[in-house]
């Protein structure tokens, strides 16, 4: 009898992720994915388009990159015809240098299409990581959906931030079995620990910033006028603490503004706050909601934030229509649950988020990479 050919030994995936900039909330995920792949001889290399981007809510000049190997195409974004862009021809060469078996492309920046074309030409499977929702797409300009269709159909697999992002991908004709609902979470326990470490200083920090009344946090000032009008309907005096944006009227008697802050300041800001009001017209699962829930701070959100319904099922949390008449009582309920002084309430607020934490996300991410390669 002749010798039977040996089956090829499959090591874990060599993956390359293309994204815009380092962020405080992604580093833990990238590191977890890389460590998981490394055990089996694979790895994750992260390629950033730039080291920082103007206009972010946090002011970090060099956000953390985590444990995963990384490369940067250029320090700052390109500016073409007066507009900031990631349309950088060097990105294809940079991706090719990593010799990937699978490429993950985050979002729909202009370079997405050139990298996807390279993947198709070299028969390298690629994955699109999408946060778009039906609500956020309404704010797109021009023919972007039409341009995306070949991109989405050419992807071996797709990652969706959450159920709302999955709904968007399904609406483009993508088959359900090609989509993984990844989540868009953070390292929950690490973040909660940072907030709890600062909680004993809550009253001193509040006094330092002039917070003497129940405090409604607004991160990024999304629909701030609605939040202010709701605050004015409280049966007691309440203050609105604005971070990451300048309010139209910084001298409003009910507003305390802190401007753009380094990301490391945010745990202390959540420790000072009694609830978060996050009320955009459309969003793609914002990390302010994750951070607030991890901190045990109840969240009042608009229906189109892109987050799963179940993560806002804890005490004082709700999704409400963008109407002052419904937002005001929701905020009053959030302020009334006593989260700052009740550890059990804080844990009940955090618990629904755990399914979408970094540890679970990393498992789903790695499974998607393996499926895309075909192992």
Protein backbone atom coordinates (compact mmCIF):
# COMPACT_ATOMS: atom_id res chain seq x y z
CA UNK A 1 0.00 0.00 0.00
CA UNK A 2 1.22 3.49 -0.81
CA UNK A 3 1.50 6.17 1.80
CA UNK A 4 -1.57 8.33 2.19
CA UNK A 5 -0.84 12.04 1.68
CA UNK A 6 -0.80 13.97 4.92
CA UNK A 7 -3.43 16.63 5.38
CA UNK A 8 -1.91 20.12 5.45
CA UNK A 9 -1.32 21.46 8.94
CA UNK A 10 -3.41 24.61 9.39
CA UNK A 11 -2.07 27.25 11.71
CA UNK A 12 -4.26 30.05 12.95
CA UNK A 13 -5.07 33.02 10.75
CA UNK A 14 -2.64 35.74 9.70
CA UNK A 15 -5.02 38.69 9.67
CA UNK A 16 -4.56 42.38 8.89
CA UNK A 17 -7.02 44.99 10.08
CA UNK A 18 -7.27 48.36 8.33
CA UNK A 19 -8.80 51.17 10.38
CA UNK A 20 -8.60 54.94 10.71
CA UNK A 21 -6.85 55.84 13.99
CA UNK A 22 -5.98 54.33 17.38
CA UNK A 23 -8.80 54.75 19.88
CA UNK A 24 -8.99 54.30 23.65
CA UNK A 25 -11.80 51.75 23.33
CA UNK A 26 -10.44 49.40 20.63
CA UNK A 27 -6.97 48.61 22.01
CA UNK A 28 -8.18 45.85 24.35
CA UNK A 29 -10.12 44.11 21.57
CA UNK A 30 -7.18 44.12 19.15
CA UNK A 31 -4.86 42.78 21.83
CA UNK A 32 -7.26 39.98 22.78
CA UNK A 33 -7.74 38.91 19.15
CA UNK A 34 -3.97 38.95 18.52
CA UNK A 35 -3.18 36.87 21.62
CA UNK A 36 -5.82 34.28 20.68
CA UNK A 37 -4.44 33.93 17.15
CA UNK A 38 -0.82 33.93 18.33
CA UNK A 39 -1.36 30.76 20.40
CA UNK A 40 -2.01 28.87 17.15
CA UNK A 41 0.74 30.52 15.13
CA UNK A 42 -1.38 33.31 13.68
CA UNK A 43 -1.47 37.02 14.43
CA UNK A 44 -3.35 40.26 13.96
CA UNK A 45 -1.57 43.29 12.51
CA UNK A 46 -3.44 46.59 12.78
CA UNK A 47 -2.82 49.25 10.12
CA UNK A 48 -3.86 52.76 11.15
CA UNK A 49 -4.39 55.45 8.56
CA UNK A 50 -3.07 58.11 10.93
CA UNK A 51 -2.10 58.48 14.58
CA UNK A 52 -4.82 60.98 15.38
CA UNK A 53 -7.78 62.83 13.92
CA UNK A 54 -9.09 66.29 14.62
CA UNK A 55 -12.58 66.75 16.01
CA UNK A 56 -12.71 63.76 18.34
CA UNK A 57 -14.55 64.13 21.62
CA UNK A 58 -11.46 63.13 23.57
CA UNK A 59 -8.28 65.16 23.19
CA UNK A 60 -5.63 62.40 23.29
CA UNK A 61 -2.83 63.13 20.86
CA UNK A 62 -1.59 59.54 21.02
CA UNK A 63 -4.41 57.16 21.99
CA UNK A 64 -3.34 53.66 23.15
CA UNK A 65 -2.61 51.01 20.53
CA UNK A 66 -2.68 47.95 22.79
CA UNK A 67 -0.73 44.71 22.46
CA UNK A 68 -1.37 43.90 18.80
CA UNK A 69 1.43 44.68 16.30
CA UNK A 70 0.59 47.81 14.33
CA UNK A 71 1.72 50.04 11.48
CA UNK A 72 0.77 53.62 10.61
CA UNK A 73 0.40 54.78 7.02
CA UNK A 74 1.12 58.38 7.97
CA UNK A 75 1.02 60.50 11.13
CA UNK A 76 -1.72 62.88 9.97
CA UNK A 77 -4.58 62.50 7.53
CA UNK A 78 -4.30 63.76 3.98
CA UNK A 79 -6.05 66.96 3.02
CA UNK A 80 -7.36 67.04 -0.56
CA UNK A 81 -9.25 70.05 -1.87
CA UNK A 82 -9.61 71.33 1.65
CA UNK A 83 -11.14 68.10 3.00
CA UNK A 84 -9.58 65.60 5.39
CA UNK A 85 -9.50 62.12 3.86
CA UNK A 86 -8.01 58.66 4.17
CA UNK A 87 -7.63 58.34 0.38
CA UNK A 88 -3.97 57.35 0.64
CA UNK A 89 -2.35 55.35 -2.19
CA UNK A 90 0.31 54.02 0.19
CA UNK A 91 -2.22 51.92 2.04
CA UNK A 92 -2.26 49.07 -0.50
CA UNK A 93 1.53 48.65 -0.29
CA UNK A 94 1.29 48.69 3.49
CA UNK A 95 -1.38 45.98 3.54
CA UNK A 96 0.60 43.84 1.07
CA UNK A 97 3.71 44.01 3.27
CA UNK A 98 1.85 42.18 6.06
CA UNK A 99 1.21 39.10 3.84
CA UNK A 100 -2.31 38.57 5.19
CA UNK A 101 -4.50 35.52 4.75
CA UNK A 102 -7.54 37.63 5.64
CA UNK A 103 -7.99 41.41 5.58
CA UNK A 104 -10.54 43.19 7.77
CA UNK A 105 -11.58 46.63 6.51
CA UNK A 106 -13.25 48.89 9.04
CA UNK A 107 -15.81 51.31 7.64
CA UNK A 108 -16.18 52.86 4.21
CA UNK A 109 -13.34 55.36 3.91
CA UNK A 110 -12.14 56.02 0.34
CA UNK A 111 -9.21 53.64 0.68
CA UNK A 112 -11.60 50.77 1.42
CA UNK A 113 -12.23 50.31 -2.29
CA UNK A 114 -8.56 50.18 -3.35
CA UNK A 115 -7.73 47.65 -0.62
CA UNK A 116 -10.77 45.53 -1.52
CA UNK A 117 -9.67 45.60 -5.17
CA UNK A 118 -6.20 44.40 -4.14
CA UNK A 119 -7.79 41.59 -2.13
CA UNK A 120 -9.89 40.48 -5.09
CA UNK A 121 -6.89 40.61 -7.44
CA UNK A 122 -4.74 38.52 -5.07
CA UNK A 123 -7.57 36.15 -4.02
CA UNK A 124 -7.21 37.31 -0.41
CA UNK A 125 -10.50 37.01 1.49
CA UNK A 126 -11.66 40.26 3.05
CA UNK A 127 -14.16 41.14 5.77
CA UNK A 128 -16.07 44.43 6.00
CA UNK A 129 -16.61 45.77 9.53
CA UNK A 130 -19.68 48.01 9.37
CA UNK A 131 -21.42 50.29 11.83
CA UNK A 132 -23.89 51.89 9.40
CA UNK A 133 -27.57 51.73 10.34
CA UNK A 134 -30.74 52.54 8.44
CA UNK A 135 -31.06 55.75 10.47
CA UNK A 136 -27.47 56.88 9.96
CA UNK A 137 -27.60 56.14 6.23
CA UNK A 138 -30.32 58.74 5.82
CA UNK A 139 -27.64 61.35 6.49
CA UNK A 140 -25.28 60.09 3.76
CA UNK A 141 -24.69 62.27 0.72
CA UNK A 142 -24.90 61.18 -2.91
CA UNK A 143 -24.72 57.63 -4.22
CA UNK A 144 -22.76 56.01 -1.40
CA UNK A 145 -25.06 53.01 -0.99
CA UNK A 146 -24.82 52.16 -4.67
CA UNK A 147 -21.01 52.38 -4.56
CA UNK A 148 -20.94 50.08 -1.54
CA UNK A 149 -22.94 47.22 -3.09
CA UNK A 150 -20.06 45.58 -5.03
CA UNK A 151 -17.85 46.00 -1.96
CA UNK A 152 -20.34 44.26 0.33
CA UNK A 153 -21.01 41.48 -2.18
CA UNK A 154 -17.29 40.84 -2.64
CA UNK A 155 -16.61 40.44 1.08
CA UNK A 156 -16.23 36.85 2.32
CA UNK A 157 -17.79 37.78 5.66
CA UNK A 158 -19.18 40.92 7.34
CA UNK A 159 -19.04 42.18 10.91
CA UNK A 160 -21.89 44.37 12.17
CA UNK A 161 -21.64 46.61 15.23
CA UNK A 162 -25.05 45.49 16.48
CA UNK A 163 -28.56 44.44 15.40
CA UNK A 164 -29.24 47.84 13.81
CA UNK A 165 -26.05 47.58 11.74
CA UNK A 166 -26.99 44.02 10.77
CA UNK A 167 -30.37 45.28 9.57
CA UNK A 168 -28.60 47.77 7.30
CA UNK A 169 -26.39 45.06 5.78
CA UNK A 170 -29.40 42.81 5.18
CA UNK A 171 -31.16 45.70 3.42
CA UNK A 172 -28.32 45.81 0.87
CA UNK A 173 -28.95 42.19 -0.11
CA UNK A 174 -26.17 40.56 1.93
CA UNK A 175 -27.07 37.00 2.97
CA UNK A 176 -27.81 36.61 6.67
CA UNK A 177 -25.34 33.73 7.15
CA UNK A 178 -22.42 35.93 6.03
CA UNK A 179 -22.97 38.47 8.84
CA UNK A 180 -21.66 38.25 12.40
CA UNK A 181 -23.18 40.65 14.92
CA UNK A 182 -19.94 41.49 16.68
CA UNK A 183 -20.92 44.20 19.13
CA UNK A 184 -19.19 47.50 19.73
CA UNK A 185 -18.24 47.18 23.36
CA UNK A 186 -15.37 47.94 25.70
CA UNK A 187 -13.38 46.16 28.40
CA UNK A 188 -16.23 46.40 30.91
CA UNK A 189 -14.52 45.20 34.08
CA UNK A 190 -11.40 47.29 33.52
CA UNK A 191 -13.49 50.41 32.92
CA UNK A 192 -15.74 49.76 35.91
CA UNK A 193 -12.69 49.28 38.12
CA UNK A 194 -11.28 52.66 37.05
CA UNK A 195 -14.56 54.38 37.90
CA UNK A 196 -14.92 52.61 41.25
CA UNK A 197 -11.38 53.59 42.18
CA UNK A 198 -12.40 57.24 41.79
CA UNK A 199 -15.86 56.98 43.31
CA UNK A 200 -14.69 57.76 46.89
CA UNK A 201 -13.56 61.14 45.53
CA UNK A 202 -16.93 61.85 43.94
CA UNK A 203 -17.97 64.72 46.19
CA UNK A 204 -14.55 66.40 46.08
CA UNK A 205 -14.48 66.19 42.27
CA UNK A 206 -18.02 67.50 42.01
CA UNK A 207 -17.19 70.45 44.24
CA UNK A 208 -14.11 71.21 42.15
CA UNK A 209 -16.23 71.56 39.00
CA UNK A 210 -19.17 73.33 40.61
CA UNK A 211 -21.58 70.39 40.58
CA UNK A 212 -23.98 70.70 43.49
CA UNK A 213 -27.24 69.35 42.01
CA UNK A 214 -28.28 66.07 40.33
CA UNK A 215 -26.13 65.90 37.23
CA UNK A 216 -27.13 64.87 33.70
CA UNK A 217 -24.08 64.10 31.57
CA UNK A 218 -24.04 64.96 27.86
CA UNK A 219 -21.06 63.50 25.97
CA UNK A 220 -20.56 65.32 22.70
CA UNK A 221 -23.52 67.63 23.28
CA UNK A 222 -25.83 65.56 21.05
CA UNK A 223 -29.18 67.43 20.82
CA UNK A 224 -28.13 69.45 23.83
CA UNK A 225 -31.05 71.87 23.56
CA UNK A 226 -33.47 68.96 24.07
CA UNK A 227 -31.51 67.76 27.11
CA UNK A 228 -31.56 71.28 28.60
CA UNK A 229 -35.30 71.66 28.10
CA UNK A 230 -35.86 68.27 29.72
CA UNK A 231 -33.63 69.27 32.65
CA UNK A 232 -35.71 72.40 33.17
CA UNK A 233 -38.78 70.18 33.68
CA UNK A 234 -37.29 68.33 36.65
CA UNK A 235 -39.22 68.91 39.90
CA UNK A 236 -35.91 70.05 41.39
CA UNK A 237 -32.86 71.89 40.09
CA UNK A 238 -30.65 69.72 37.87
CA UNK A 239 -27.41 70.50 36.09
CA UNK A 240 -26.20 69.37 32.65
CA UNK A 241 -22.49 68.52 32.43
CA UNK A 242 -21.25 68.82 28.83
CA UNK A 243 -18.06 67.04 27.73
CA UNK A 244 -16.52 66.80 24.27
CA UNK A 245 -18.30 69.83 22.83
CA UNK A 246 -18.91 73.48 23.55
CA UNK A 247 -22.57 74.31 24.26
CA UNK A 248 -24.17 77.08 22.18
CA UNK A 249 -24.63 79.07 25.39
CA UNK A 250 -21.75 78.24 27.77
CA UNK A 251 -23.17 80.72 30.29
CA UNK A 252 -26.51 78.94 30.59
CA UNK A 253 -27.18 78.72 34.35
CA UNK A 254 -27.91 74.99 34.17
CA UNK A 255 -24.78 74.04 32.20
CA UNK A 256 -21.30 73.08 33.35
CA UNK A 257 -18.94 72.59 30.41
CA UNK A 258 -15.61 70.75 30.47
CA UNK A 259 -14.75 70.88 26.75
CA UNK A 260 -12.67 68.17 25.11
CA UNK A 261 -10.87 66.02 27.68
CA UNK A 262 -8.29 63.23 27.52
CA UNK A 263 -9.95 59.81 27.54
CA UNK A 264 -8.33 59.04 30.90
CA UNK A 265 -10.46 61.81 32.46
CA UNK A 266 -13.73 60.13 31.51
CA UNK A 267 -13.96 57.57 34.36
CA UNK A 268 -13.89 60.43 36.86
CA UNK A 269 -16.55 62.28 34.87
CA UNK A 270 -18.87 59.25 34.99
CA UNK A 271 -18.21 58.95 38.73
CA UNK A 272 -19.39 62.57 39.13
CA UNK A 273 -22.56 62.06 37.04
CA UNK A 274 -26.00 60.73 37.97
CA UNK A 275 -27.22 59.78 34.50
CA UNK A 276 -26.22 60.05 30.84
CA UNK A 277 -28.57 61.63 28.29
CA UNK A 278 -27.45 60.56 24.80
CA UNK A 279 -29.98 61.88 22.31
CA UNK A 280 -28.61 62.04 18.75
CA UNK A 281 -30.83 61.92 15.69
CA UNK A 282 -28.70 58.97 14.50
CA UNK A 283 -25.62 57.20 15.83
CA UNK A 284 -23.72 53.92 15.34
CA UNK A 285 -23.54 52.47 18.87
CA UNK A 286 -21.57 55.23 20.65
CA UNK A 287 -19.00 54.31 23.27
CA UNK A 288 -20.37 56.93 25.66
CA UNK A 289 -23.28 54.56 26.27
CA UNK A 290 -20.90 51.63 26.88
CA UNK A 291 -18.79 53.65 29.29
CA UNK A 292 -21.78 54.94 31.23
CA UNK A 293 -23.26 51.44 31.61
CA UNK A 294 -19.88 50.00 32.64
CA UNK A 295 -19.68 52.78 35.24
CA UNK A 296 -23.16 51.91 36.54
CA UNK A 297 -24.61 55.21 35.32
CA UNK A 298 -28.19 54.94 33.96
CA UNK A 299 -28.63 55.96 30.31
CA UNK A 300 -31.50 57.73 28.59
CA UNK A 301 -31.02 57.35 24.83
CA UNK A 302 -32.83 58.18 21.61
CA UNK A 303 -34.22 55.24 19.60
CA UNK A 304 -31.67 55.62 16.78
CA UNK A 305 -28.38 55.23 18.67
CA UNK A 306 -27.67 51.84 17.09
CA UNK A 307 -27.43 49.98 20.42
CA UNK A 308 -29.30 46.72 21.12
CA UNK A 309 -32.50 47.19 23.10
CA UNK A 310 -31.45 44.78 25.84
CA UNK A 311 -28.40 46.74 27.00
CA UNK A 312 -30.73 49.49 28.24
CA UNK A 313 -32.84 47.18 30.39
CA UNK A 314 -31.19 48.04 33.71
CA UNK A 315 -32.60 50.36 36.41
CA UNK A 316 -33.23 53.88 35.15
CA UNK A 317 -32.18 53.06 31.57
CA UNK A 318 -34.49 53.64 28.61
CA UNK A 319 -34.81 54.50 24.94
CA UNK A 320 -37.31 57.27 24.39
CA UNK A 321 -38.58 59.31 21.42
CA UNK A 322 -36.85 62.63 20.78
CA UNK A 323 -39.54 64.65 22.51
CA UNK A 324 -39.04 66.67 25.67
CA UNK A 325 -42.35 65.37 27.04
CA UNK A 326 -41.02 61.78 27.10
CA UNK A 327 -37.35 62.54 27.77
CA UNK A 328 -37.99 64.57 30.94
CA UNK A 329 -39.77 61.81 32.91
CA UNK A 330 -37.20 59.27 31.67
CA UNK A 331 -34.37 61.42 33.03
CA UNK A 332 -36.25 61.91 36.29
CA UNK A 333 -36.52 58.12 36.66
CA UNK A 334 -32.82 57.72 35.88
CA UNK A 335 -31.85 60.30 38.48
CA UNK A 336 -34.08 58.59 41.04
CA UNK A 337 -32.55 55.08 41.03
CA UNK A 338 -29.73 56.10 43.36
CA UNK A 339 -26.92 54.56 41.29
CA UNK A 340 -24.11 56.72 42.78
CA UNK A 341 -24.74 55.33 46.27
CA UNK A 342 -26.04 51.81 45.53
CA UNK A 343 -23.52 49.24 44.29
CA UNK A 344 -26.25 46.69 43.55
CA UNK A 345 -28.08 49.13 41.28
CA UNK A 346 -24.83 49.88 39.44
CA UNK A 347 -24.24 46.18 38.81
CA UNK A 348 -27.80 45.74 37.50
CA UNK A 349 -27.17 48.64 35.10
CA UNK A 350 -23.92 47.07 33.88
CA UNK A 351 -25.04 43.44 33.57
CA UNK A 352 -27.00 43.70 30.26
CA UNK A 353 -23.86 45.07 28.56
CA UNK A 354 -21.72 42.02 29.37
CA UNK A 355 -22.80 40.01 26.32
CA UNK A 356 -21.18 42.76 24.23
CA UNK A 357 -17.92 43.19 26.15
CA UNK A 358 -14.47 42.84 24.60
CA UNK A 359 -14.03 39.20 25.69
CA UNK A 360 -17.17 38.06 23.84
CA UNK A 361 -16.38 40.31 20.89
CA UNK A 362 -12.92 38.80 20.53
CA UNK A 363 -14.39 35.29 20.34
CA UNK A 364 -16.78 36.33 17.58
CA UNK A 365 -14.04 38.25 15.76
CA UNK A 366 -11.67 35.27 15.71
CA UNK A 367 -14.44 32.90 14.58
CA UNK A 368 -15.20 35.25 11.68
CA UNK A 369 -11.55 35.39 10.63
CA UNK A 370 -11.35 31.60 10.60
CA UNK A 371 -14.58 31.31 8.63
CA UNK A 372 -13.35 33.89 6.10
CA UNK A 373 -10.14 31.97 5.51
CA UNK A 374 -12.09 28.73 5.28
CA UNK A 375 -10.40 26.76 8.03
